Amino acid sequence: MEPVRVGVIGVGHLGYHHARICAELSEAELVGIVDINEERAAAVSEDMGVPYFTDIDHFFEVTKPDAVSIVVPTSLHYEIACKAIKLGTNVLIEKPVTTTVEEAEELLRLAAEKRCVLQVGHVERFNGAVQYVKKILNPPHFIQSRRMGPFTPRATDVGVVMDLMIHDIDIILSLVHSEISSISALGRSIKSDFEDVASAQMAFANGAMAHILVSRVAERRLRTLEIMEPTRYITLNYETQDVTIYRCVRQNGRGLVEIVEHPVFPKYEPLRLELQHFVMCVKEGRQPLVGIADGKRALEVAIAILRQIHQGGQSGSIEAIAST
């Protein structure tokens, strides 16, 4: 089969890596990149050996891609994705999928109408540690996630909830198969015009609980997930893709003995797996692991958390929060 003709729209820090990987995939052909910053576009174009464009319409007219990866500021996601889908182009759109739930619903409708693959870039789903834990997980009682790092001017068009926490929201929703019954959240601005630190607690209808702490003004990077089951405690490091499992067993004459396991499993670059998955979904015409419905649900929860932050953390049901 012919390789999938892919273009990358937006080649900043993350978009550059989208272009790099698409150029390396045997199943894909990088046919062009787009960026409004011509100097940046020209530099990436030279690195990749592909043409660059500063005008999206010209890009689509010249290259006629099968698929595009949209890696631009969130406020532009909806407009560009609509343009691509209306042309019959398959789309990978970085998280958060859109700025509003209504925009996400419209993209879902358009993609179904045009029979386009529409994948949302929740890259942590392709982390080897996450995929391993998902296979062995029992219904969790409590999940705690911490995602922190030093301040950088990148991605300050949104707050830390949409920038970082939305990753953890998506992961937790994929692990807890129950509806959220209530949310409580707090946050504050430190160095930007948006919240730079945020904490959210979620309760689920099945009794599970989750706590997420995020900061983009921390002294050091930290990317961890801790899961408490009835008989096991599981820790996960997103960056090293390491998993540790603690469990207590009763041994004759010795009472409870803690056993620590360090499972071994394949570890790959999550973004490469995500893009490879997208390309194969386009080639085979199948639905992606993280579709628009997943992106929409994570966005709904993120918006509910932001409303809680703006209201000073007063707890409430997600239905009540979403309607305010």
Protein backbone atom coordinates (compact mmCIF):
# COMPACT_ATOMS: atom_id res chain seq x y z
CA MET A 1 0.00 0.00 0.00
CA GLU A 2 1.08 3.56 -0.69
CA PRO A 3 2.28 5.55 2.35
CA VAL A 4 -0.16 7.99 3.94
CA ARG A 5 0.56 11.54 2.79
CA VAL A 6 0.82 13.59 6.00
CA GLY A 7 1.26 17.28 6.71
CA VAL A 8 2.01 18.99 10.02
CA ILE A 9 0.31 22.30 10.80
CA GLY A 10 2.28 24.19 13.45
CA VAL A 11 5.95 23.33 13.90
CA GLY A 12 6.82 24.87 17.23
CA HIS A 13 8.45 22.78 19.97
CA LEU A 14 5.96 19.89 19.82
CA GLY A 15 5.04 20.27 16.16
CA TYR A 16 8.70 19.85 15.20
CA HIS A 17 8.68 16.38 16.75
CA HIS A 18 5.44 15.52 14.96
CA ALA A 19 7.15 16.43 11.68
CA ARG A 20 10.36 14.57 12.61
CA ILE A 21 8.52 11.34 13.39
CA CYS A 22 6.21 11.55 10.36
CA ALA A 23 9.31 11.93 8.18
CA GLU A 24 10.77 8.76 9.74
CA LEU A 25 7.70 6.50 9.62
CA SER A 26 7.79 3.96 6.78
CA GLU A 27 3.98 4.02 6.63
CA ALA A 28 3.89 7.80 6.07
CA GLU A 29 5.23 10.43 3.69
CA LEU A 30 5.68 13.93 5.09
CA VAL A 31 4.50 16.14 2.23
CA GLY A 32 4.77 19.57 3.85
CA ILE A 33 4.71 21.68 6.98
CA VAL A 34 2.81 24.86 7.82
CA ASP A 35 3.62 27.69 10.23
CA ILE A 36 2.77 31.39 10.24
CA ASN A 37 6.34 32.09 11.38
CA GLU A 38 8.14 31.90 8.04
CA GLU A 39 11.61 31.83 9.58
CA ARG A 40 10.65 28.86 11.76
CA ALA A 41 8.86 27.13 8.88
CA ALA A 42 11.87 27.54 6.60
CA ALA A 43 14.26 26.14 9.21
CA VAL A 44 12.13 23.05 9.84
CA SER A 45 11.59 22.65 6.10
CA GLU A 46 15.35 22.54 5.56
CA ASP A 47 15.78 19.97 8.36
CA MET A 48 13.04 17.72 6.98
CA GLY A 49 13.64 18.20 3.28
CA VAL A 50 9.99 19.06 2.57
CA PRO A 51 8.27 22.21 1.33
CA TYR A 52 6.93 24.75 3.81
CA PHE A 53 3.87 26.98 3.71
CA THR A 54 2.66 29.96 5.69
CA ASP A 55 -0.85 29.83 4.19
CA ILE A 56 -3.02 26.82 5.10
CA ASP A 57 -5.26 27.05 2.02
CA HIS A 58 -2.21 27.04 -0.24
CA PHE A 59 -0.82 24.05 1.66
CA PHE A 60 -3.99 21.99 1.10
CA GLU A 61 -4.24 23.06 -2.53
CA VAL A 62 -0.64 22.10 -3.37
CA THR A 63 0.00 18.99 -1.25
CA LYS A 64 -3.50 17.42 -1.05
CA PRO A 65 -2.59 15.44 2.10
CA ASP A 66 -4.41 12.31 3.26
CA ALA A 67 -3.96 13.38 6.86
CA VAL A 68 -2.73 16.29 8.95
CA SER A 69 -1.39 16.70 12.45
CA ILE A 70 -2.65 19.94 14.01
CA VAL A 71 -0.20 21.32 16.58
CA VAL A 72 -1.21 24.96 16.96
CA PRO A 73 -2.56 27.02 19.89
CA THR A 74 -5.84 25.58 21.22
CA SER A 75 -7.85 28.62 20.10
CA LEU A 76 -7.10 27.67 16.46
CA HIS A 77 -7.86 23.94 16.71
CA TYR A 78 -11.51 24.11 15.74
CA GLU A 79 -11.10 26.41 12.73
CA ILE A 80 -8.23 24.42 11.22
CA ALA A 81 -9.75 21.01 11.96
CA CYS A 82 -13.04 22.07 10.34
CA LYS A 83 -11.19 23.19 7.23
CA ALA A 84 -9.29 19.91 7.00
CA ILE A 85 -12.25 17.62 7.63
CA LYS A 86 -14.46 19.46 5.13
CA LEU A 87 -11.78 18.67 2.54
CA GLY A 88 -11.99 14.99 3.51
CA THR A 89 -8.64 15.03 5.32
CA ASN A 90 -8.03 12.78 8.34
CA VAL A 91 -6.99 14.69 11.44
CA LEU A 92 -4.84 14.22 14.52
CA ILE A 93 -5.53 17.20 16.77
CA GLU A 94 -3.42 17.96 19.82
CA LYS A 95 -5.02 18.19 23.25
CA PRO A 96 -7.15 19.88 24.41
CA VAL A 97 -9.28 19.08 21.40
CA THR A 98 -11.07 22.47 21.29
CA THR A 99 -11.86 25.40 23.57
CA THR A 100 -15.54 24.46 24.00
CA VAL A 101 -17.56 21.26 24.19
CA GLU A 102 -19.85 22.56 21.44
CA GLU A 103 -16.88 22.83 19.05
CA ALA A 104 -15.84 19.25 19.89
CA GLU A 105 -19.38 18.02 19.17
CA GLU A 106 -19.36 19.77 15.80
CA LEU A 107 -16.03 18.17 14.89
CA LEU A 108 -17.49 14.79 15.84
CA ARG A 109 -20.46 15.40 13.55
CA LEU A 110 -18.27 16.59 10.67
CA ALA A 111 -15.85 13.68 10.95
CA ALA A 112 -18.73 11.18 10.89
CA GLU A 113 -20.28 12.93 7.89
CA LYS A 114 -17.01 12.94 5.94
CA ARG A 115 -15.94 9.51 7.28
CA CYS A 116 -12.63 10.92 8.45
CA VAL A 117 -10.40 9.55 11.20
CA LEU A 118 -10.29 12.10 14.00
CA GLN A 119 -7.77 11.34 16.74
CA VAL A 120 -7.00 13.48 19.80
CA GLY A 121 -3.38 13.81 20.92
CA HIS A 122 -3.56 12.47 24.46
CA VAL A 123 -0.06 11.05 24.10
CA GLU A 124 0.15 9.52 27.59
CA ARG A 125 -2.26 6.79 26.46
CA PHE A 126 0.65 5.48 24.38
CA ASN A 127 3.10 5.45 27.28
CA GLY A 128 4.32 1.88 27.78
CA ALA A 129 3.80 2.07 31.55
CA VAL A 130 0.19 3.26 31.12
CA GLN A 131 -0.56 0.53 28.61
CA TYR A 132 0.91 -2.12 30.91
CA VAL A 133 -1.01 -0.92 33.98
CA LYS A 134 -4.26 -0.74 32.03
CA LYS A 135 -3.92 -4.45 31.18
CA ILE A 136 -3.35 -5.62 34.78
CA LEU A 137 -5.45 -3.10 36.71
CA ASN A 138 -8.26 -4.12 39.04
CA PRO A 139 -10.99 -1.57 39.86
CA PRO A 140 -9.06 1.16 41.74
CA HIS A 141 -10.14 2.68 45.04
CA PHE A 142 -7.95 5.78 44.84
CA ILE A 143 -5.70 7.38 42.18
CA GLN A 144 -3.25 10.19 42.78
CA SER A 145 -1.49 11.99 39.93
CA ARG A 146 1.29 14.59 40.14
CA ARG A 147 2.57 16.46 37.10
CA MET A 148 4.96 19.33 37.78
CA GLY A 149 7.79 21.23 36.16
CA PRO A 150 9.66 24.55 36.01
CA PHE A 151 8.06 27.55 34.34
CA THR A 152 8.50 28.04 30.61
CA PRO A 153 6.87 30.70 28.38
CA ARG A 154 5.65 27.92 26.07
CA ALA A 155 1.89 27.17 26.11
CA THR A 156 0.96 30.17 28.27
CA ASP A 157 -2.06 30.81 26.02
CA VAL A 158 -3.88 28.43 28.39
CA GLY A 159 -3.61 27.63 32.08
CA VAL A 160 -2.06 24.57 33.68
CA VAL A 161 -5.40 22.70 33.66
CA MET A 162 -5.64 22.69 29.86
CA ASP A 163 -1.87 22.47 29.39
CA LEU A 164 -0.95 19.67 31.84
CA MET A 165 -3.86 18.43 33.95
CA ILE A 166 -5.92 17.38 30.95
CA HIS A 167 -3.40 14.54 30.37
CA ASP A 168 -4.13 13.16 33.84
CA ILE A 169 -7.87 13.69 33.49
CA ASP A 170 -7.86 11.57 30.33
CA ILE A 171 -5.76 8.81 31.92
CA ILE A 172 -7.93 8.64 35.03
CA LEU A 173 -11.13 8.55 32.98
CA SER A 174 -9.68 5.66 30.97
CA LEU A 175 -8.85 3.72 34.17
CA VAL A 176 -11.99 4.37 36.23
CA HIS A 177 -15.02 3.01 34.41
CA SER A 178 -17.60 5.10 36.20
CA GLU A 179 -19.25 8.49 35.93
CA ILE A 180 -17.93 11.41 38.00
CA SER A 181 -20.31 12.34 40.81
CA SER A 182 -18.52 15.43 42.17
CA ILE A 183 -15.51 17.67 41.64
CA SER A 184 -13.66 20.07 43.91
CA ALA A 185 -10.76 22.16 42.64
CA LEU A 186 -8.48 25.05 43.54
CA GLY A 187 -5.82 26.92 41.60
CA ARG A 188 -3.98 30.19 41.32
CA SER A 189 -1.87 32.27 38.97
CA ILE A 190 1.82 32.69 39.82
CA LYS A 191 3.72 33.76 36.70
CA SER A 192 1.15 33.95 33.91
CA ASP A 193 -2.33 35.35 33.32
CA PHE A 194 -3.84 31.89 33.93
CA GLU A 195 -3.68 29.35 36.75
CA ASP A 196 -0.14 27.97 37.07
CA VAL A 197 -0.87 25.64 40.00
CA ALA A 198 -4.04 23.57 40.38
CA SER A 199 -5.42 20.76 42.49
CA ALA A 200 -8.56 18.76 41.74
CA GLN A 201 -10.39 16.02 43.59
CA MET A 202 -12.91 13.80 41.85
CA ALA A 203 -15.39 11.33 43.30
CA PHE A 204 -16.92 8.64 41.09
CA ALA A 205 -20.31 6.96 41.27
CA ASN A 206 -18.70 3.58 41.98
CA GLY A 207 -16.94 4.94 45.09
CA ALA A 208 -13.50 5.50 43.54
CA MET A 209 -11.67 8.77 44.23
CA ALA A 210 -8.91 10.63 42.41
CA HIS A 211 -6.64 13.56 43.23
CA ILE A 212 -4.65 15.49 40.62
CA LEU A 213 -1.94 18.03 41.44
CA VAL A 214 -0.30 20.03 38.65
CA SER A 215 2.18 22.89 38.61
CA ARG A 216 4.22 24.60 35.93
CA VAL A 217 6.18 26.68 38.44
CA ALA A 218 7.82 23.84 40.37
CA GLU A 219 11.55 23.53 40.96
CA ARG A 220 11.85 20.12 39.27
CA ARG A 221 9.94 17.88 36.88
CA LEU A 222 7.73 15.17 38.28
CA ARG A 223 5.37 12.90 36.33
CA THR A 224 3.86 10.17 38.53
CA LEU A 225 0.67 8.18 39.00
CA GLU A 226 -0.18 6.16 42.11
CA ILE A 227 -3.05 3.68 42.20
CA MET A 228 -4.52 2.00 45.27
CA GLU A 229 -6.42 -1.25 44.74
CA PRO A 230 -7.95 -3.49 47.43
CA THR A 231 -4.79 -5.65 47.58
CA ARG A 232 -2.11 -3.75 45.62
CA TYR A 233 -0.45 -0.35 45.44
CA ILE A 234 0.88 0.56 41.99
CA THR A 235 3.23 3.43 41.17
CA LEU A 236 3.97 4.64 37.66
CA ASN A 237 6.61 7.05 36.37
CA TYR A 238 5.57 8.56 33.04
CA GLU A 239 9.06 9.77 32.12
CA THR A 240 11.03 6.59 32.83
CA GLN A 241 8.05 4.34 31.96
CA ASP A 242 8.71 2.34 35.13
CA VAL A 243 6.02 0.53 37.13
CA THR A 244 6.35 -0.77 40.70
CA ILE A 245 3.73 -3.00 42.31
CA TYR A 246 3.49 -3.45 46.08
CA ARG A 247 1.28 -6.14 47.59
CA CYS A 248 0.99 -7.90 50.92
CA VAL A 249 0.57 -11.66 51.15
CA ARG A 250 0.03 -13.84 54.19
CA GLN A 251 2.71 -16.47 54.72
CA ASN A 252 2.53 -19.28 57.26
CA GLY A 253 4.08 -18.21 60.52
CA ARG A 254 5.26 -14.84 59.18
CA GLY A 255 2.06 -12.85 59.01
CA LEU A 256 1.79 -10.31 56.22
CA VAL A 257 4.85 -9.98 53.98
CA GLU A 258 5.23 -7.19 51.42
CA ILE A 259 6.23 -8.27 47.93
CA VAL A 260 7.60 -5.68 45.51
CA GLU A 261 7.43 -6.32 41.77
CA HIS A 262 9.17 -4.44 38.95
CA PRO A 263 7.49 -5.72 35.77
CA VAL A 264 9.40 -5.67 32.49
CA PHE A 265 7.64 -4.56 29.29
CA PRO A 266 8.58 -2.77 26.04
CA LYS A 267 9.28 0.96 26.26
CA TYR A 268 9.00 3.19 23.20
CA GLU A 269 8.67 6.89 22.44
CA PRO A 270 4.96 7.57 23.14
CA LEU A 271 4.62 10.24 20.46
CA ARG A 272 6.02 7.86 17.85
CA LEU A 273 3.49 5.19 18.85
CA GLU A 274 0.69 7.77 18.78
CA LEU A 275 1.54 8.97 15.27
CA GLN A 276 2.12 5.44 14.01
CA HIS A 277 -1.28 4.46 15.41
CA PHE A 278 -2.90 7.45 13.67
CA VAL A 279 -1.32 6.60 10.33
CA MET A 280 -2.41 2.95 10.58
CA CYS A 281 -5.96 4.01 11.49
CA VAL A 282 -6.01 6.14 8.33
CA LYS A 283 -4.64 3.29 6.18
CA GLU A 284 -7.10 0.75 7.59
CA GLY A 285 -10.08 3.05 8.05
CA ARG A 286 -10.56 2.19 11.73
CA GLN A 287 -11.32 4.21 14.83
CA PRO A 288 -8.36 5.44 16.92
CA LEU A 289 -7.58 4.51 20.51
CA VAL A 290 -8.26 8.11 21.58
CA GLY A 291 -11.13 9.48 19.53
CA ILE A 292 -13.04 12.73 19.63
CA ALA A 293 -15.48 11.35 22.23
CA ASP A 294 -12.55 10.79 24.63
CA GLY A 295 -11.18 14.26 23.92
CA LYS A 296 -14.63 15.78 24.45
CA ARG A 297 -15.09 14.01 27.81
CA ALA A 298 -11.67 15.11 29.07
CA LEU A 299 -12.46 18.66 27.93
CA GLU A 300 -15.80 18.62 29.78
CA VAL A 301 -14.07 17.63 33.02
CA ALA A 302 -11.29 20.20 32.51
CA ILE A 303 -13.88 22.95 31.99
CA ALA A 304 -15.75 21.82 35.11
CA ILE A 305 -12.48 22.00 37.08
CA LEU A 306 -11.75 25.50 35.76
CA ARG A 307 -15.21 26.64 36.81
CA GLN A 308 -14.58 25.25 40.29
CA ILE A 309 -11.29 27.16 40.44
CA HIS A 310 -13.01 30.39 39.43
CA GLN A 311 -15.71 29.78 42.05
CA GLY A 312 -13.15 29.28 44.79
CA GLY A 313 -13.28 25.50 45.00
CA GLN A 314 -16.88 25.03 46.15
CA SER A 315 -17.66 21.36 45.62
CA GLY A 316 -20.55 20.29 43.44
CA SER A 317 -21.84 17.64 41.07
CA ILE A 318 -20.40 17.65 37.58
CA GLU A 319 -23.88 18.21 36.10
CA ALA A 320 -24.35 21.32 38.23
CA ILE A 321 -20.84 22.57 37.46
CA ALA A 322 -21.27 22.04 33.71
CA SER A 323 -24.52 23.99 33.66
CA THR A 324 -23.18 27.09 35.42
